[in-house]
Amino acid sequence: MIYPSANTKDYRISKRIPDSIFGLKILHLLLVSSGWSKPAGLNIETELITRRSDEGRIKTLVVRPKNAPKNLPVIVHLHGGGYAVGSPSQDFLMMKRYMDVRPCIFIAPQYRRSLRHPYPAGIEDCYDALLWAREHAEEYGGRSDQIFIMGESGGGGLTAALCLLARDRGEVNISCQFPLYGMFDDREENFTKCDPELLVWSKRRT
């Protein structure tokens, strides 16, 4: 069976990249070099959140509509990239589409990724960003009592993990979570309806 995604240019390019750590680094460089457009009508600000574990900084984007009303819901958004690559900037267009339907504020941390920083570095960065979002939401016109967590792919996995961590630590309440096509399972054999050759991510290393 040929899946539609296998016929796209982006997919064909991704399949030519080696399935290795070196290949993931190439993919990240391609994403960065391609550039991400910044849609009109958005205020995009950069905050450097202090990491609680070592006083390091977490680069975090605060994205909101221009001339928006106050008391907006806040979405802590965790970008995709298989936990290994990616950037919050890759999702500006998606954020704009959501804001056009319902004005809201996105707080998107550049969490540490697994190529250089293994677990639990990434999820702890996301948790620090969540606490920062609760403490500073009202400064940006958001509601500290209406915080959502959202992410795609690797970000979807982090979304679920972050909500569980927030529940266990009991420091902040989450209104809702949106893990979209989240990476929850590392066992390739569970993809019973998918041709293994069509998988972009796998456990094979060369």
N, C-alpha and C. Protein backbone atom coordinates (compact mmCIF):
# COMPACT_ATOMS: atom_id res chain seq x y z
N MET A 1 0.84 -1.19 0.00
CA MET A 1 0.00 0.00 0.00
C MET A 1 0.87 1.25 0.00
N ILE A 2 0.59 2.22 -0.85
CA ILE A 2 1.32 3.48 -0.91
C ILE A 2 0.52 4.55 -0.17
N TYR A 3 1.11 5.11 0.87
CA TYR A 3 0.44 6.15 1.64
C TYR A 3 0.66 7.50 0.97
N PRO A 4 -0.34 8.40 1.02
CA PRO A 4 -0.21 9.71 0.35
C PRO A 4 1.03 10.48 0.76
N SER A 5 1.43 10.38 2.04
CA SER A 5 2.59 11.15 2.49
C SER A 5 3.86 10.74 1.77
N ALA A 6 3.89 9.52 1.24
CA ALA A 6 5.09 9.05 0.55
C ALA A 6 5.27 9.71 -0.81
N ASN A 7 4.25 10.40 -1.27
CA ASN A 7 4.33 11.04 -2.58
C ASN A 7 4.70 12.52 -2.51
N THR A 8 4.97 13.03 -1.32
CA THR A 8 5.29 14.45 -1.18
C THR A 8 6.79 14.67 -1.29
N LYS A 9 7.14 15.86 -1.75
CA LYS A 9 8.56 16.21 -1.89
C LYS A 9 9.29 16.17 -0.56
N ASP A 10 8.66 16.75 0.48
CA ASP A 10 9.30 16.78 1.79
C ASP A 10 9.57 15.38 2.32
N TYR A 11 8.61 14.48 2.09
CA TYR A 11 8.80 13.11 2.57
C TYR A 11 9.95 12.43 1.84
N ARG A 12 10.02 12.60 0.52
CA ARG A 12 11.09 11.96 -0.25
C ARG A 12 12.46 12.47 0.19
N ILE A 13 12.54 13.76 0.49
CA ILE A 13 13.81 14.31 0.97
C ILE A 13 14.18 13.72 2.33
N SER A 14 13.19 13.64 3.22
CA SER A 14 13.47 13.13 4.56
C SER A 14 13.95 11.68 4.52
N LYS A 15 13.44 10.88 3.56
CA LYS A 15 13.84 9.48 3.49
C LYS A 15 15.25 9.29 2.97
N ARG A 16 15.81 10.32 2.35
CA ARG A 16 17.18 10.24 1.87
C ARG A 16 18.21 10.55 2.97
N ILE A 17 17.73 11.09 4.07
CA ILE A 17 18.62 11.44 5.18
C ILE A 17 18.95 10.18 5.97
N PRO A 18 20.23 9.94 6.30
CA PRO A 18 20.61 8.73 7.04
C PRO A 18 19.86 8.59 8.35
N ASP A 19 19.47 7.37 8.66
CA ASP A 19 18.76 7.09 9.91
C ASP A 19 19.80 6.92 11.02
N SER A 20 20.34 8.04 11.46
CA SER A 20 21.40 8.04 12.45
C SER A 20 21.39 9.37 13.19
N ILE A 21 22.22 9.48 14.21
CA ILE A 21 22.34 10.75 14.93
C ILE A 21 22.81 11.83 13.97
N PHE A 22 23.75 11.49 13.10
CA PHE A 22 24.22 12.46 12.11
C PHE A 22 23.08 12.88 11.19
N GLY A 23 22.22 11.93 10.82
CA GLY A 23 21.09 12.27 9.97
C GLY A 23 20.11 13.21 10.64
N LEU A 24 19.88 13.01 11.95
CA LEU A 24 18.99 13.92 12.67
C LEU A 24 19.56 15.33 12.71
N LYS A 25 20.87 15.44 12.84
CA LYS A 25 21.49 16.77 12.84
C LYS A 25 21.33 17.44 11.47
N ILE A 26 21.46 16.66 10.41
CA ILE A 26 21.24 17.20 9.07
C ILE A 26 19.80 17.72 8.94
N LEU A 27 18.85 16.92 9.43
CA LEU A 27 17.44 17.31 9.36
C LEU A 27 17.21 18.63 10.09
N HIS A 28 17.81 18.76 11.26
CA HIS A 28 17.65 20.00 12.02
C HIS A 28 18.22 21.19 11.26
N LEU A 29 19.39 21.02 10.65
CA LEU A 29 20.00 22.11 9.89
C LEU A 29 19.13 22.50 8.70
N LEU A 30 18.51 21.51 8.05
CA LEU A 30 17.62 21.80 6.93
C LEU A 30 16.41 22.61 7.40
N LEU A 31 15.88 22.25 8.56
CA LEU A 31 14.73 22.98 9.10
C LEU A 31 15.10 24.43 9.39
N VAL A 32 16.27 24.62 10.01
CA VAL A 32 16.69 25.97 10.35
C VAL A 32 16.95 26.80 9.10
N SER A 33 17.67 26.20 8.13
CA SER A 33 18.05 26.95 6.93
C SER A 33 16.86 27.29 6.05
N SER A 34 15.77 26.52 6.16
CA SER A 34 14.60 26.78 5.32
C SER A 34 13.90 28.07 5.72
N GLY A 35 14.07 28.47 6.97
CA GLY A 35 13.45 29.71 7.45
C GLY A 35 11.97 29.52 7.70
N TRP A 36 11.43 30.25 8.67
CA TRP A 36 10.02 30.16 8.99
C TRP A 36 9.41 31.54 8.88
N SER A 37 8.34 31.65 8.15
CA SER A 37 7.70 32.95 7.97
C SER A 37 6.98 33.36 9.25
N LYS A 38 6.90 34.66 9.46
CA LYS A 38 6.19 35.21 10.60
C LYS A 38 4.94 35.90 10.08
N PRO A 39 3.78 35.30 10.26
CA PRO A 39 2.55 35.88 9.72
C PRO A 39 2.29 37.28 10.27
N ALA A 40 1.63 38.08 9.46
CA ALA A 40 1.25 39.42 9.91
C ALA A 40 0.18 39.31 10.99
N GLY A 41 0.13 40.31 11.85
CA GLY A 41 -0.90 40.36 12.86
C GLY A 41 -0.53 39.72 14.18
N LEU A 42 0.75 39.34 14.34
CA LEU A 42 1.18 38.69 15.57
C LEU A 42 2.23 39.53 16.28
N ASN A 43 2.18 39.53 17.60
CA ASN A 43 3.27 40.03 18.43
C ASN A 43 4.09 38.82 18.87
N ILE A 44 5.38 38.83 18.57
CA ILE A 44 6.26 37.72 18.93
C ILE A 44 7.38 38.27 19.79
N GLU A 45 7.43 37.85 21.02
CA GLU A 45 8.45 38.31 21.96
C GLU A 45 9.24 37.11 22.47
N THR A 46 10.49 37.37 22.83
CA THR A 46 11.37 36.32 23.34
C THR A 46 11.66 36.56 24.81
N GLU A 47 11.44 35.55 25.61
CA GLU A 47 11.77 35.59 27.03
C GLU A 47 12.84 34.54 27.33
N LEU A 48 13.71 34.84 28.27
CA LEU A 48 14.70 33.88 28.73
C LEU A 48 14.32 33.45 30.14
N ILE A 49 13.74 32.28 30.23
CA ILE A 49 13.25 31.76 31.51
C ILE A 49 14.41 31.11 32.25
N THR A 50 14.52 31.39 33.52
CA THR A 50 15.59 30.80 34.33
C THR A 50 15.25 29.35 34.65
N ARG A 51 16.17 28.48 34.32
CA ARG A 51 16.00 27.05 34.63
C ARG A 51 16.28 26.83 36.11
N ARG A 52 15.38 26.15 36.77
CA ARG A 52 15.51 25.98 38.22
C ARG A 52 16.66 25.06 38.61
N SER A 53 16.99 24.11 37.76
CA SER A 53 17.99 23.10 38.13
C SER A 53 19.41 23.64 38.15
N ASP A 54 19.74 24.56 37.21
CA ASP A 54 21.13 25.00 37.12
C ASP A 54 21.27 26.48 36.78
N GLU A 55 20.17 27.23 36.87
CA GLU A 55 20.19 28.67 36.58
C GLU A 55 20.48 28.98 35.11
N GLY A 56 20.39 27.97 34.24
CA GLY A 56 20.53 28.22 32.81
C GLY A 56 19.30 28.94 32.27
N ARG A 57 19.29 29.23 30.97
CA ARG A 57 18.19 29.97 30.37
C ARG A 57 17.46 29.12 29.34
N ILE A 58 16.15 29.25 29.33
CA ILE A 58 15.31 28.56 28.35
C ILE A 58 14.72 29.63 27.44
N LYS A 59 15.16 29.67 26.18
CA LYS A 59 14.60 30.62 25.23
C LYS A 59 13.14 30.25 24.96
N THR A 60 12.27 31.21 25.17
CA THR A 60 10.83 30.95 25.08
C THR A 60 10.15 32.06 24.29
N LEU A 61 9.32 31.68 23.33
CA LEU A 61 8.59 32.65 22.53
C LEU A 61 7.19 32.86 23.12
N VAL A 62 6.79 34.12 23.20
CA VAL A 62 5.42 34.47 23.60
C VAL A 62 4.76 35.07 22.36
N VAL A 63 3.77 34.37 21.83
CA VAL A 63 3.13 34.75 20.57
C VAL A 63 1.67 35.05 20.86
N ARG A 64 1.22 36.25 20.45
CA ARG A 64 -0.16 36.66 20.71
C ARG A 64 -0.66 37.56 19.59
N PRO A 65 -1.96 37.66 19.43
CA PRO A 65 -2.50 38.53 18.39
C PRO A 65 -2.27 40.00 18.74
N LYS A 66 -2.07 40.81 17.71
CA LYS A 66 -2.00 42.25 17.92
C LYS A 66 -3.41 42.78 18.24
N ASN A 67 -3.45 43.77 19.12
CA ASN A 67 -4.72 44.41 19.50
C ASN A 67 -5.75 43.41 20.02
N ALA A 68 -5.25 42.38 20.71
CA ALA A 68 -6.17 41.37 21.24
C ALA A 68 -6.78 41.83 22.55
N PRO A 69 -7.95 41.32 22.89
CA PRO A 69 -8.55 41.64 24.19
C PRO A 69 -7.77 40.99 25.32
N LYS A 70 -8.11 41.35 26.55
CA LYS A 70 -7.47 40.76 27.72
C LYS A 70 -8.14 39.43 28.08
N ASN A 71 -7.56 38.79 29.09
CA ASN A 71 -8.11 37.55 29.64
C ASN A 71 -8.19 36.44 28.60
N LEU A 72 -7.13 36.28 27.84
CA LEU A 72 -7.09 35.23 26.82
C LEU A 72 -6.61 33.91 27.43
N PRO A 73 -7.09 32.79 26.89
CA PRO A 73 -6.52 31.50 27.31
C PRO A 73 -5.06 31.41 26.89
N VAL A 74 -4.29 30.66 27.65
CA VAL A 74 -2.86 30.50 27.42
C VAL A 74 -2.58 29.06 26.99
N ILE A 75 -1.82 28.91 25.91
CA ILE A 75 -1.43 27.58 25.44
C ILE A 75 0.09 27.46 25.55
N VAL A 76 0.54 26.55 26.40
CA VAL A 76 1.96 26.21 26.43
C VAL A 76 2.18 25.21 25.31
N HIS A 77 2.91 25.64 24.28
CA HIS A 77 3.04 24.81 23.07
C HIS A 77 4.43 24.20 23.00
N LEU A 78 4.48 22.89 22.77
CA LEU A 78 5.72 22.13 22.71
C LEU A 78 5.91 21.61 21.29
N HIS A 79 6.93 22.12 20.61
CA HIS A 79 7.12 21.82 19.19
C HIS A 79 7.48 20.36 18.96
N GLY A 80 7.22 19.92 17.74
CA GLY A 80 7.57 18.56 17.35
C GLY A 80 9.01 18.45 16.88
N GLY A 81 9.41 17.22 16.57
CA GLY A 81 10.77 16.97 16.11
C GLY A 81 11.37 15.72 16.71
N GLY A 82 10.50 14.78 17.14
CA GLY A 82 11.00 13.50 17.65
C GLY A 82 11.83 13.61 18.91
N TYR A 83 11.61 14.65 19.68
CA TYR A 83 12.38 14.94 20.90
C TYR A 83 13.82 15.34 20.60
N ALA A 84 14.22 15.32 19.35
CA ALA A 84 15.63 15.47 19.00
C ALA A 84 15.94 16.75 18.23
N VAL A 85 14.99 17.23 17.42
CA VAL A 85 15.23 18.42 16.59
C VAL A 85 14.01 19.32 16.69
N GLY A 86 14.06 20.45 15.98
CA GLY A 86 12.92 21.34 15.89
C GLY A 86 13.08 22.61 16.69
N SER A 87 12.13 23.53 16.51
CA SER A 87 12.16 24.84 17.13
C SER A 87 10.73 25.37 17.24
N PRO A 88 10.43 26.20 18.24
CA PRO A 88 9.10 26.81 18.31
C PRO A 88 8.76 27.63 17.07
N SER A 89 9.77 28.18 16.41
CA SER A 89 9.52 29.05 15.25
C SER A 89 8.88 28.31 14.08
N GLN A 90 8.99 26.99 14.05
CA GLN A 90 8.43 26.23 12.93
C GLN A 90 6.91 26.22 12.94
N ASP A 91 6.30 26.69 14.02
CA ASP A 91 4.85 26.57 14.17
C ASP A 91 4.12 27.90 14.13
N PHE A 92 4.75 28.97 13.64
CA PHE A 92 4.09 30.27 13.59
C PHE A 92 2.79 30.22 12.79
N LEU A 93 2.81 29.60 11.63
CA LEU A 93 1.61 29.56 10.79
C LEU A 93 0.48 28.80 11.47
N MET A 94 0.83 27.70 12.14
CA MET A 94 -0.19 26.94 12.87
C MET A 94 -0.78 27.79 13.99
N MET A 95 0.08 28.48 14.72
CA MET A 95 -0.41 29.34 15.81
C MET A 95 -1.37 30.39 15.28
N LYS A 96 -1.02 30.99 14.15
CA LYS A 96 -1.87 32.03 13.55
C LYS A 96 -3.24 31.46 13.20
N ARG A 97 -3.29 30.25 12.67
CA ARG A 97 -4.58 29.65 12.31
C ARG A 97 -5.45 29.46 13.55
N TYR A 98 -4.86 29.03 14.64
CA TYR A 98 -5.63 28.87 15.87
C TYR A 98 -6.12 30.22 16.38
N MET A 99 -5.25 31.23 16.35
CA MET A 99 -5.63 32.55 16.85
C MET A 99 -6.73 33.19 16.01
N ASP A 100 -6.75 32.89 14.72
CA ASP A 100 -7.80 33.42 13.86
C ASP A 100 -9.17 32.87 14.25
N VAL A 101 -9.19 31.65 14.77
CA VAL A 101 -10.45 31.03 15.19
C VAL A 101 -10.83 31.47 16.59
N ARG A 102 -9.84 31.50 17.48
CA ARG A 102 -10.09 31.89 18.87
C ARG A 102 -8.84 32.59 19.41
N PRO A 103 -8.88 33.90 19.63
CA PRO A 103 -7.69 34.59 20.15
C PRO A 103 -7.16 33.92 21.41
N CYS A 104 -5.85 33.73 21.46
CA CYS A 104 -5.20 33.08 22.58
C CYS A 104 -3.74 33.48 22.59
N ILE A 105 -3.02 33.04 23.59
CA ILE A 105 -1.59 33.34 23.72
C ILE A 105 -0.83 32.03 23.72
N PHE A 106 0.19 31.94 22.88
CA PHE A 106 1.06 30.77 22.86
C PHE A 106 2.35 31.10 23.60
N ILE A 107 2.75 30.22 24.49
CA ILE A 107 4.04 30.29 25.16
C ILE A 107 4.80 29.03 24.77
N ALA A 108 5.87 29.21 24.00
CA ALA A 108 6.53 28.08 23.34
C ALA A 108 8.01 28.02 23.71
N PRO A 109 8.39 27.10 24.60
CA PRO A 109 9.79 27.00 25.02
C PRO A 109 10.65 26.23 24.02
N GLN A 110 11.91 26.65 23.90
CA GLN A 110 12.91 25.89 23.16
C GLN A 110 13.56 24.94 24.16
N TYR A 111 12.85 23.85 24.44
CA TYR A 111 13.34 22.89 25.43
C TYR A 111 14.59 22.18 24.92
N ARG A 112 15.39 21.69 25.85
CA ARG A 112 16.60 20.95 25.47
C ARG A 112 16.21 19.65 24.78
N ARG A 113 16.93 19.33 23.72
CA ARG A 113 16.58 18.17 22.90
C ARG A 113 17.56 17.02 23.13
N SER A 114 17.10 15.83 22.80
CA SER A 114 17.77 14.61 23.23
C SER A 114 19.12 14.36 22.58
N LEU A 115 19.42 15.00 21.45
CA LEU A 115 20.71 14.76 20.81
C LEU A 115 21.86 15.18 21.72
N ARG A 116 21.64 16.18 22.53
CA ARG A 116 22.69 16.65 23.43
C ARG A 116 22.33 16.51 24.91
N HIS A 117 21.05 16.48 25.19
CA HIS A 117 20.61 16.48 26.59
C HIS A 117 19.58 15.39 26.79
N PRO A 118 19.96 14.25 27.33
CA PRO A 118 19.01 13.15 27.51
C PRO A 118 17.98 13.46 28.58
N TYR A 119 16.95 12.63 28.60
CA TYR A 119 15.90 12.71 29.62
C TYR A 119 16.53 12.77 31.01
N PRO A 120 15.98 13.61 31.91
CA PRO A 120 14.73 14.38 31.82
C PRO A 120 14.91 15.86 31.47
N ALA A 121 15.98 16.21 30.79
CA ALA A 121 16.27 17.64 30.53
C ALA A 121 15.11 18.32 29.82
N GLY A 122 14.60 17.72 28.75
CA GLY A 122 13.55 18.35 27.96
C GLY A 122 12.27 18.58 28.74
N ILE A 123 11.81 17.56 29.45
CA ILE A 123 10.54 17.69 30.17
C ILE A 123 10.68 18.66 31.34
N GLU A 124 11.84 18.73 31.97
CA GLU A 124 12.04 19.69 33.06
C GLU A 124 12.01 21.12 32.53
N ASP A 125 12.56 21.35 31.33
CA ASP A 125 12.46 22.67 30.72
C ASP A 125 11.01 23.04 30.46
N CYS A 126 10.25 22.07 29.97
CA CYS A 126 8.83 22.32 29.71
C CYS A 126 8.09 22.64 31.01
N TYR A 127 8.44 21.97 32.07
CA TYR A 127 7.79 22.22 33.35
C TYR A 127 8.12 23.62 33.87
N ASP A 128 9.39 24.01 33.73
CA ASP A 128 9.77 25.37 34.14
C ASP A 128 9.01 26.41 33.32
N ALA A 129 8.83 26.15 32.02
CA ALA A 129 8.07 27.07 31.17
C ALA A 129 6.61 27.13 31.59
N LEU A 130 6.07 26.00 32.01
CA LEU A 130 4.69 25.96 32.48
C LEU A 130 4.52 26.82 33.73
N LEU A 131 5.43 26.69 34.68
CA LEU A 131 5.35 27.51 35.89
C LEU A 131 5.49 29.00 35.55
N TRP A 132 6.39 29.30 34.62
CA TRP A 132 6.56 30.69 34.20
C TRP A 132 5.27 31.21 33.56
N ALA A 133 4.62 30.39 32.77
CA ALA A 133 3.38 30.79 32.11
C ALA A 133 2.31 31.14 33.13
N ARG A 134 2.21 30.35 34.17
CA ARG A 134 1.22 30.63 35.20
C ARG A 134 1.54 31.95 35.92
N GLU A 135 2.82 32.18 36.17
CA GLU A 135 3.21 33.36 36.94
C GLU A 135 3.14 34.66 36.13
N HIS A 136 3.27 34.56 34.80
CA HIS A 136 3.37 35.77 33.98
C HIS A 136 2.24 35.91 32.97
N ALA A 137 1.27 35.03 33.00
CA ALA A 137 0.19 35.06 32.00
C ALA A 137 -0.50 36.42 31.96
N GLU A 138 -0.83 36.98 33.10
CA GLU A 138 -1.60 38.21 33.13
C GLU A 138 -0.81 39.40 32.59
N GLU A 139 0.52 39.36 32.66
CA GLU A 139 1.34 40.44 32.10
C GLU A 139 1.15 40.55 30.59
N TYR A 140 0.80 39.45 29.95
CA TYR A 140 0.62 39.42 28.50
C TYR A 140 -0.85 39.40 28.10
N GLY A 141 -1.73 39.60 29.04
CA GLY A 141 -3.15 39.60 28.73
C GLY A 141 -3.80 38.23 28.79
N GLY A 142 -3.12 37.27 29.42
CA GLY A 142 -3.66 35.93 29.51
C GLY A 142 -4.25 35.62 30.86
N ARG A 143 -4.85 34.45 30.96
CA ARG A 143 -5.47 33.99 32.20
C ARG A 143 -4.61 32.91 32.83
N SER A 144 -4.18 33.15 34.06
CA SER A 144 -3.36 32.18 34.76
C SER A 144 -4.15 30.95 35.20
N ASP A 145 -5.49 31.06 35.17
CA ASP A 145 -6.34 29.93 35.57
C ASP A 145 -6.90 29.19 34.37
N GLN A 146 -6.40 29.50 33.17
CA GLN A 146 -6.87 28.80 31.97
C GLN A 146 -5.66 28.51 31.07
N ILE A 147 -4.90 27.50 31.50
CA ILE A 147 -3.68 27.13 30.80
C ILE A 147 -3.87 25.77 30.15
N PHE A 148 -3.60 25.72 28.85
CA PHE A 148 -3.69 24.49 28.08
C PHE A 148 -2.27 24.05 27.69
N ILE A 149 -2.10 22.75 27.50
CA ILE A 149 -0.83 22.20 27.01
C ILE A 149 -1.10 21.57 25.66
N MET A 150 -0.22 21.86 24.69
CA MET A 150 -0.45 21.38 23.33
C MET A 150 0.89 21.08 22.67
N GLY A 151 0.91 20.03 21.83
CA GLY A 151 2.12 19.73 21.08
C GLY A 151 1.85 18.67 20.03
N GLU A 152 2.73 18.61 19.05
CA GLU A 152 2.59 17.65 17.96
C GLU A 152 3.79 16.71 17.94
N SER A 153 3.53 15.44 17.60
CA SER A 153 4.59 14.46 17.45
C SER A 153 5.39 14.34 18.75
N GLY A 154 6.70 14.61 18.72
CA GLY A 154 7.46 14.58 19.96
C GLY A 154 6.89 15.55 20.98
N GLY A 155 6.42 16.70 20.51
CA GLY A 155 5.76 17.65 21.40
C GLY A 155 4.47 17.11 21.99
N GLY A 156 3.81 16.22 21.24
CA GLY A 156 2.61 15.58 21.77
C GLY A 156 2.94 14.63 22.91
N GLY A 157 4.04 13.90 22.77
CA GLY A 157 4.49 13.05 23.86
C GLY A 157 4.85 13.86 25.09
N LEU A 158 5.54 14.99 24.87
CA LEU A 158 5.89 15.86 25.99
C LEU A 158 4.64 16.48 26.62
N THR A 159 3.63 16.75 25.81
CA THR A 159 2.38 17.28 26.33
C THR A 159 1.77 16.34 27.36
N ALA A 160 1.66 15.08 27.00
CA ALA A 160 1.09 14.10 27.93
C ALA A 160 1.96 13.96 29.18
N ALA A 161 3.28 13.91 28.97
CA ALA A 161 4.19 13.77 30.10
C ALA A 161 4.14 14.98 31.02
N LEU A 162 4.03 16.18 30.44
CA LEU A 162 3.99 17.40 31.24
C LEU A 162 2.71 17.47 32.08
N CYS A 163 1.60 17.05 31.51
CA CYS A 163 0.35 17.06 32.26
C CYS A 163 0.42 16.07 33.43
N LEU A 164 1.01 14.92 33.22
CA LEU A 164 1.18 13.95 34.31
C LEU A 164 2.11 14.50 35.39
N LEU A 165 3.18 15.17 34.96
CA LEU A 165 4.13 15.74 35.92
C LEU A 165 3.47 16.85 36.74
N ALA A 166 2.67 17.69 36.07
CA ALA A 166 1.96 18.75 36.79
C ALA A 166 0.97 18.16 37.79
N ARG A 167 0.30 17.10 37.40
CA ARG A 167 -0.62 16.43 38.33
C ARG A 167 0.12 15.89 39.55
N ASP A 168 1.26 15.24 39.31
CA ASP A 168 1.98 14.61 40.40
C ASP A 168 2.61 15.64 41.35
N ARG A 169 3.09 16.75 40.82
CA ARG A 169 3.75 17.75 41.66
C ARG A 169 2.76 18.71 42.31
N GLY A 170 1.58 18.84 41.72
CA GLY A 170 0.52 19.61 42.35
C GLY A 170 0.77 21.10 42.48
N GLU A 171 1.60 21.67 41.60
CA GLU A 171 1.92 23.10 41.69
C GLU A 171 1.11 23.97 40.75
N VAL A 172 0.55 23.37 39.71
CA VAL A 172 -0.22 24.15 38.74
C VAL A 172 -1.30 23.27 38.13
N ASN A 173 -2.46 23.84 37.90
CA ASN A 173 -3.58 23.11 37.32
C ASN A 173 -3.62 23.31 35.81
N ILE A 174 -3.91 22.26 35.09
CA ILE A 174 -4.02 22.29 33.63
C ILE A 174 -5.49 22.22 33.24
N SER A 175 -5.91 23.14 32.37
CA SER A 175 -7.31 23.14 31.94
C SER A 175 -7.60 22.03 30.95
N CYS A 176 -6.66 21.77 30.05
CA CYS A 176 -6.89 20.75 29.02
C CYS A 176 -5.57 20.44 28.34
N GLN A 177 -5.47 19.26 27.75
CA GLN A 177 -4.27 18.92 26.99
C GLN A 177 -4.65 18.49 25.57
N PHE A 178 -3.78 18.83 24.61
CA PHE A 178 -3.98 18.49 23.20
C PHE A 178 -2.72 17.84 22.64
N PRO A 179 -2.50 16.55 22.88
CA PRO A 179 -1.37 15.86 22.24
C PRO A 179 -1.78 15.38 20.85
N LEU A 180 -1.22 15.99 19.82
CA LEU A 180 -1.58 15.68 18.44
C LEU A 180 -0.56 14.73 17.83
N TYR A 181 -1.03 13.61 17.31
CA TYR A 181 -0.21 12.50 16.79
C TYR A 181 1.07 12.36 17.63
N GLY A 182 0.87 12.20 18.95
CA GLY A 182 1.99 12.17 19.89
C GLY A 182 2.86 10.93 19.75
N MET A 183 4.13 11.09 20.02
CA MET A 183 5.08 9.98 20.04
C MET A 183 5.05 9.39 21.45
N PHE A 184 4.31 8.30 21.60
CA PHE A 184 4.14 7.67 22.90
C PHE A 184 4.84 6.31 22.99
N ASP A 185 5.10 5.68 21.86
CA ASP A 185 5.54 4.29 21.85
C ASP A 185 6.76 4.15 20.95
N ASP A 186 7.85 3.60 21.47
CA ASP A 186 9.07 3.47 20.67
C ASP A 186 9.20 2.11 20.02
N ARG A 187 8.16 1.29 20.07
CA ARG A 187 8.23 -0.06 19.52
C ARG A 187 7.70 -0.08 18.09
N GLU A 188 8.61 -0.20 17.14
CA GLU A 188 8.21 -0.19 15.73
C GLU A 188 7.24 -1.31 15.39
N GLU A 189 7.36 -2.43 16.09
CA GLU A 189 6.52 -3.57 15.74
C GLU A 189 5.05 -3.30 15.98
N ASN A 190 4.72 -2.21 16.71
CA ASN A 190 3.32 -1.88 16.94
C ASN A 190 2.66 -1.20 15.76
N PHE A 191 3.47 -0.80 14.76
CA PHE A 191 2.90 -0.17 13.57
C PHE A 191 2.48 -1.25 12.59
N THR A 192 1.47 -2.02 12.96
CA THR A 192 1.12 -3.20 12.19
C THR A 192 0.52 -2.86 10.83
N LYS A 193 -0.05 -1.64 10.67
CA LYS A 193 -0.70 -1.29 9.42
C LYS A 193 0.16 -0.37 8.56
N CYS A 194 1.41 -0.22 8.94
CA CYS A 194 2.27 0.71 8.21
C CYS A 194 3.50 -0.02 7.68
N ASP A 195 3.83 0.22 6.45
CA ASP A 195 5.05 -0.32 5.86
C ASP A 195 6.25 0.28 6.60
N PRO A 196 7.12 -0.54 7.21
CA PRO A 196 8.28 0.00 7.93
C PRO A 196 9.14 0.93 7.09
N GLU A 197 9.14 0.72 5.77
CA GLU A 197 9.95 1.58 4.91
C GLU A 197 9.40 2.99 4.81
N LEU A 198 8.16 3.19 5.27
CA LEU A 198 7.56 4.51 5.21
C LEU A 198 7.74 5.30 6.50
N LEU A 199 8.39 4.69 7.50
CA LEU A 199 8.60 5.38 8.76
C LEU A 199 9.77 6.35 8.64
N VAL A 200 9.55 7.60 9.04
CA VAL A 200 10.64 8.58 9.07
C VAL A 200 11.53 8.32 10.28
N TRP A 201 10.91 8.05 11.44
CA TRP A 201 11.67 7.77 12.66
C TRP A 201 11.74 6.27 12.87
N SER A 202 12.86 5.79 13.34
CA SER A 202 12.98 4.38 13.68
C SER A 202 14.08 4.21 14.72
N LYS A 203 14.23 2.97 15.21
CA LYS A 203 15.28 2.68 16.20
C LYS A 203 16.58 2.26 15.54
N ARG A 204 16.60 2.13 14.22
CA ARG A 204 17.82 1.69 13.54
C ARG A 204 18.84 2.81 13.56
N ARG A 205 20.11 2.44 13.74
CA ARG A 205 21.21 3.40 13.75
C ARG A 205 22.31 2.86 12.85
N THR A 206 22.92 3.73 12.06
CA THR A 206 23.98 3.29 11.17
C THR A 206 25.29 3.95 11.55
